C-alpha cells in the first residue's frame, strides 16, 4: 500500500511533502506559521468569530495536511456544528483515500481501497487516519439522521477493520437507535456534541469492548 501518494489540491503543504503522509498524520511537515495559527485558534476556541478565520487560514496554507483538517473538524464538532464537522470529514475521506491508492489513480473517491491488514489498522498512520475519519463520518451521519449514509460508512469500516482496532463497533448502538427513530442525545443534534461518544458508551457500561460481534 502506497501511503505517500496524494494529489496536490492547492497551494502550500500537501500530503506529498518530503516526509510523506505518515509524517503529516503525526503532525510533522507543518509550517511554523500554520502551527501557530492552529495554536492561536485553540486559545480563543470559544469565540467562533476569532477562531474560525485562523483555522480557515491554516487550512488554506496547508489544505491537505491532516493537522489542519483535524483542527477544523474538532472545532466544529465541539462547537455543536455537526453539519460543518461532517463536511470536513467528507473532504478528509477523499484526501485520505487518495493517499492509500497507487499514485495517479484517476478517481480515488470511487476506487476500491487495497486490502488493509490488521497490522496496518493498528500501526499505519495513513490507514488509521482514514479509519478514524470514516468512524467520525459514520457517526455524524447517524446523529444528523442520514441513516443510509451512516450505515454504508459503518459497513465499510467493519469490512476494513474487522478486528475493530479503532472502536467503530460502538456505533452499532447508535445505528440501532437511529433505525428505531430514537436518540440518546435529545431532539437537538447538537446536544452533548462535546461529549465523546466512546466516553458516553463507557459510562453506560457498553465499553470497554472491541469486536463487532459484541457491539
Protein backbone atom coordinates (compact mmCIF):
# COMPACT_ATOMS: atom_id res chain seq x y z
CA UNK A 1 0.00 0.00 0.00
CA UNK A 2 1.39 3.38 -1.00
CA UNK A 3 0.82 5.79 1.85
CA UNK A 4 2.76 8.66 0.33
CA UNK A 5 0.81 9.34 -2.84
CA UNK A 6 -1.73 12.15 -2.72
CA UNK A 7 -2.93 14.83 -5.09
CA UNK A 8 -1.78 18.44 -4.89
CA UNK A 9 -5.13 20.11 -4.35
CA UNK A 10 -3.95 23.61 -3.59
CA UNK A 11 -1.07 25.87 -2.55
CA UNK A 12 1.08 25.18 0.45
CA UNK A 13 1.89 21.90 2.11
CA UNK A 14 0.22 18.77 0.73
CA UNK A 15 0.40 15.13 1.69
CA UNK A 16 3.20 14.84 -0.84
CA UNK A 17 5.69 16.80 1.23
CA UNK A 18 9.20 15.43 1.59
CA UNK A 19 8.37 13.42 4.70
CA UNK A 20 5.24 11.80 3.24
CA UNK A 21 1.74 11.20 4.52
CA UNK A 22 2.69 9.21 7.61
CA UNK A 23 4.76 12.09 8.92
CA UNK A 24 2.00 14.53 8.09
CA UNK A 25 -0.56 12.50 10.02
CA UNK A 26 1.70 12.61 13.03
CA UNK A 27 1.91 16.39 12.76
CA UNK A 28 5.30 16.72 11.11
CA UNK A 29 5.90 18.70 7.96
CA UNK A 30 3.61 21.50 9.16
CA UNK A 31 4.93 25.04 8.52
CA UNK A 32 5.59 27.11 11.62
CA UNK A 33 3.04 29.71 10.51
CA UNK A 34 0.31 27.11 10.19
CA UNK A 35 1.16 25.55 13.53
CA UNK A 36 0.97 28.99 15.13
CA UNK A 37 -2.43 29.66 13.57
CA UNK A 38 -3.83 26.40 14.94
CA UNK A 39 -2.39 27.13 18.37
CA UNK A 40 -3.82 30.66 18.35
CA UNK A 41 -7.24 29.33 17.38
CA UNK A 42 -7.08 26.94 20.31
CA UNK A 43 -6.65 29.83 22.71
CA UNK A 44 -9.86 31.50 21.52
CA UNK A 45 -11.80 28.39 20.53
CA UNK A 46 -14.91 29.50 22.42
CA UNK A 47 -15.16 32.59 20.20
CA UNK A 48 -16.10 31.42 16.73
CA UNK A 49 -15.62 34.87 15.20
CA UNK A 50 -11.97 34.83 16.24
CA UNK A 51 -11.08 31.16 15.98
CA UNK A 52 -12.66 30.14 12.69
CA UNK A 53 -10.75 32.63 10.46
CA UNK A 54 -7.49 31.41 11.98
CA UNK A 55 -8.32 27.79 11.22
CA UNK A 56 -9.52 28.60 7.71
CA UNK A 57 -6.27 30.45 7.02
CA UNK A 58 -4.31 27.46 8.31
CA UNK A 59 -6.34 25.20 6.04
CA UNK A 60 -5.69 27.47 3.04
CA UNK A 61 -1.95 27.35 3.68
CA UNK A 62 -1.87 23.57 4.21
CA UNK A 63 -5.07 22.33 2.55
CA UNK A 64 -4.43 18.60 2.71
CA UNK A 65 -2.36 18.34 5.86
CA UNK A 66 -4.17 16.17 8.43
CA UNK A 67 -3.35 18.60 11.24
CA UNK A 68 -5.41 21.38 9.67
CA UNK A 69 -8.26 19.01 8.86
CA UNK A 70 -8.33 17.57 12.37
CA UNK A 71 -8.20 21.03 13.96
CA UNK A 72 -11.10 22.29 11.86
CA UNK A 73 -13.12 19.11 12.44
CA UNK A 74 -12.70 19.27 16.20
CA UNK A 75 -13.52 22.98 16.23
CA UNK A 76 -16.86 22.37 14.57
CA UNK A 77 -17.63 19.14 16.41
CA UNK A 78 -17.04 20.52 19.89
CA UNK A 79 -18.85 23.69 18.89
CA UNK A 80 -22.04 21.66 18.18
CA UNK A 81 -21.78 22.37 14.45
CA UNK A 82 -22.17 18.78 13.36
CA UNK A 83 -23.04 19.52 9.74
CA UNK A 84 -19.89 21.57 9.31
CA UNK A 85 -17.87 18.83 11.01
CA UNK A 86 -19.37 16.29 8.63
CA UNK A 87 -18.26 18.31 5.62
CA UNK A 88 -14.70 18.41 6.94
CA UNK A 89 -14.86 14.66 7.50
CA UNK A 90 -16.15 14.16 3.96
CA UNK A 91 -13.26 16.16 2.50
CA UNK A 92 -10.80 14.34 4.72
CA UNK A 93 -12.03 10.97 3.49
CA UNK A 94 -11.26 11.93 -0.10
CA UNK A 95 -7.77 13.10 0.81
CA UNK A 96 -7.09 10.02 2.92
CA UNK A 97 -8.36 7.64 0.23
CA UNK A 98 -6.09 9.25 -2.35
CA UNK A 99 -3.14 8.68 -0.04
CA UNK A 100 -3.91 4.96 0.18
CA UNK A 101 -4.12 4.37 -3.57
CA UNK A 102 -1.38 3.98 -6.17
CA UNK A 103 -0.09 7.27 -7.50
CA UNK A 104 -2.04 8.74 -10.38
CA UNK A 105 -5.33 6.98 -9.77
CA UNK A 106 -7.98 8.89 -11.74
CA UNK A 107 -10.81 8.75 -9.19
CA UNK A 108 -9.77 7.98 -5.61
CA UNK A 109 -13.27 8.54 -4.22
CA UNK A 110 -14.82 5.82 -6.37
CA UNK A 111 -11.89 3.42 -6.21
CA UNK A 112 -11.78 0.28 -4.11
CA UNK A 113 -9.09 0.55 -1.49
CA UNK A 114 -6.33 -2.07 -1.44
CA UNK A 115 -6.75 -4.68 1.30
CA UNK A 116 -5.88 -3.39 4.77
CA UNK A 117 -4.09 -5.73 7.13
CA UNK A 118 -4.68 -5.86 10.86
CA UNK A 119 -1.13 -4.61 11.38
CA UNK A 120 -1.87 -1.56 9.25
CA UNK A 121 -5.09 -0.89 11.14
CA UNK A 122 -3.04 -0.92 14.34
CA UNK A 123 0.12 0.93 13.33
CA UNK A 124 -0.03 2.55 9.88
CA UNK A 125 -0.68 6.28 10.39
CA UNK A 126 -2.30 6.83 6.99
CA UNK A 127 -4.60 3.84 7.38
CA UNK A 128 -5.60 4.82 10.90
CA UNK A 129 -6.32 8.38 9.78
CA UNK A 130 -8.71 7.01 7.16
CA UNK A 131 -10.38 4.60 9.57
CA UNK A 132 -10.89 7.17 12.31
CA UNK A 133 -12.21 9.67 9.77
CA UNK A 134 -14.62 7.04 8.45
CA UNK A 135 -15.75 6.33 12.00
CA UNK A 136 -16.43 10.03 12.61
CA UNK A 137 -18.22 10.38 9.27
CA UNK A 138 -20.46 7.42 10.05
CA UNK A 139 -21.26 8.77 13.49
CA UNK A 140 -22.11 12.26 12.26
CA UNK A 141 -24.45 10.97 9.58
CA UNK A 142 -26.27 8.83 12.13
CA UNK A 143 -26.56 11.77 14.50
CA UNK A 144 -27.87 14.01 11.71
CA UNK A 145 -30.44 11.49 10.54
CA UNK A 146 -28.78 10.38 7.30
CA UNK A 147 -29.10 6.76 8.28
CA UNK A 148 -28.36 5.14 4.92
CA UNK A 149 -25.11 7.07 4.51
CA UNK A 150 -24.14 6.32 8.09
CA UNK A 151 -24.94 2.63 7.69
CA UNK A 152 -22.88 2.44 4.49
CA UNK A 153 -19.90 4.15 6.13
CA UNK A 154 -20.17 1.86 9.14
CA UNK A 155 -20.33 -1.17 6.83
CA UNK A 156 -17.15 -0.08 5.08
CA UNK A 157 -15.47 0.44 8.43
CA UNK A 158 -16.44 -3.04 9.55
CA UNK A 159 -15.09 -4.52 6.32
CA UNK A 160 -11.79 -2.66 6.51
CA UNK A 161 -11.30 -3.08 10.26
CA UNK A 162 -12.85 -6.44 11.21
CA UNK A 163 -10.81 -6.56 14.43
CA UNK A 164 -12.28 -3.20 15.45
CA UNK A 165 -8.93 -1.55 16.12
CA UNK A 166 -10.45 1.93 16.02
CA UNK A 167 -13.52 1.10 18.10
CA UNK A 168 -16.13 1.54 15.39
CA UNK A 169 -18.30 -1.28 16.74
CA UNK A 170 -19.71 1.03 19.41
CA UNK A 171 -21.54 2.84 16.61
CA UNK A 172 -23.74 -0.20 16.08
CA UNK A 173 -25.67 1.03 19.13
CA UNK A 174 -26.06 4.49 17.61
CA UNK A 175 -27.24 2.89 14.35
CA UNK A 176 -29.79 0.72 16.15
CA UNK A 177 -31.22 3.73 17.95
CA UNK A 178 -31.34 5.75 14.71
CA UNK A 179 -33.18 2.93 12.97
CA UNK A 180 -35.77 2.90 15.75
CA UNK A 181 -36.17 6.65 15.40
CA UNK A 182 -34.76 7.23 18.85
CA UNK A 183 -31.96 9.44 20.07
CA UNK A 184 -29.83 9.14 23.15
CA UNK A 185 -28.88 12.80 22.76
CA UNK A 186 -32.25 14.57 22.72
CA UNK A 187 -34.05 16.36 19.92
CA UNK A 188 -31.23 18.77 19.12
CA UNK A 189 -28.46 17.00 17.16
CA UNK A 190 -26.01 19.38 18.78
CA UNK A 191 -26.89 18.39 22.33
CA UNK A 192 -23.88 16.98 24.14
CA UNK A 193 -21.84 17.06 20.94
CA UNK A 194 -18.80 17.96 23.01
CA UNK A 195 -19.04 14.63 24.82
CA UNK A 196 -17.11 11.86 23.16
CA UNK A 197 -19.45 9.04 22.20
CA UNK A 198 -16.96 6.42 23.36
CA UNK A 199 -16.93 8.05 26.81
CA UNK A 200 -20.73 8.08 26.91
CA UNK A 201 -20.88 4.44 25.92
CA UNK A 202 -18.32 3.58 28.60
CA UNK A 203 -20.36 5.41 31.24
CA UNK A 204 -23.37 3.31 30.26
CA UNK A 205 -21.46 0.08 30.66
CA UNK A 206 -21.13 -0.60 26.92
CA UNK A 207 -17.34 -0.28 26.93
CA UNK A 208 -14.63 -1.32 27.07
CA UNK A 209 -15.14 -3.70 24.22
CA UNK A 210 -13.66 -4.40 20.87
CA UNK A 211 -15.21 -6.51 18.20
CA UNK A 212 -18.26 -6.22 16.04
CA UNK A 213 -19.86 -9.32 17.47
CA UNK A 214 -20.26 -7.73 20.91
CA UNK A 215 -21.36 -4.29 19.75
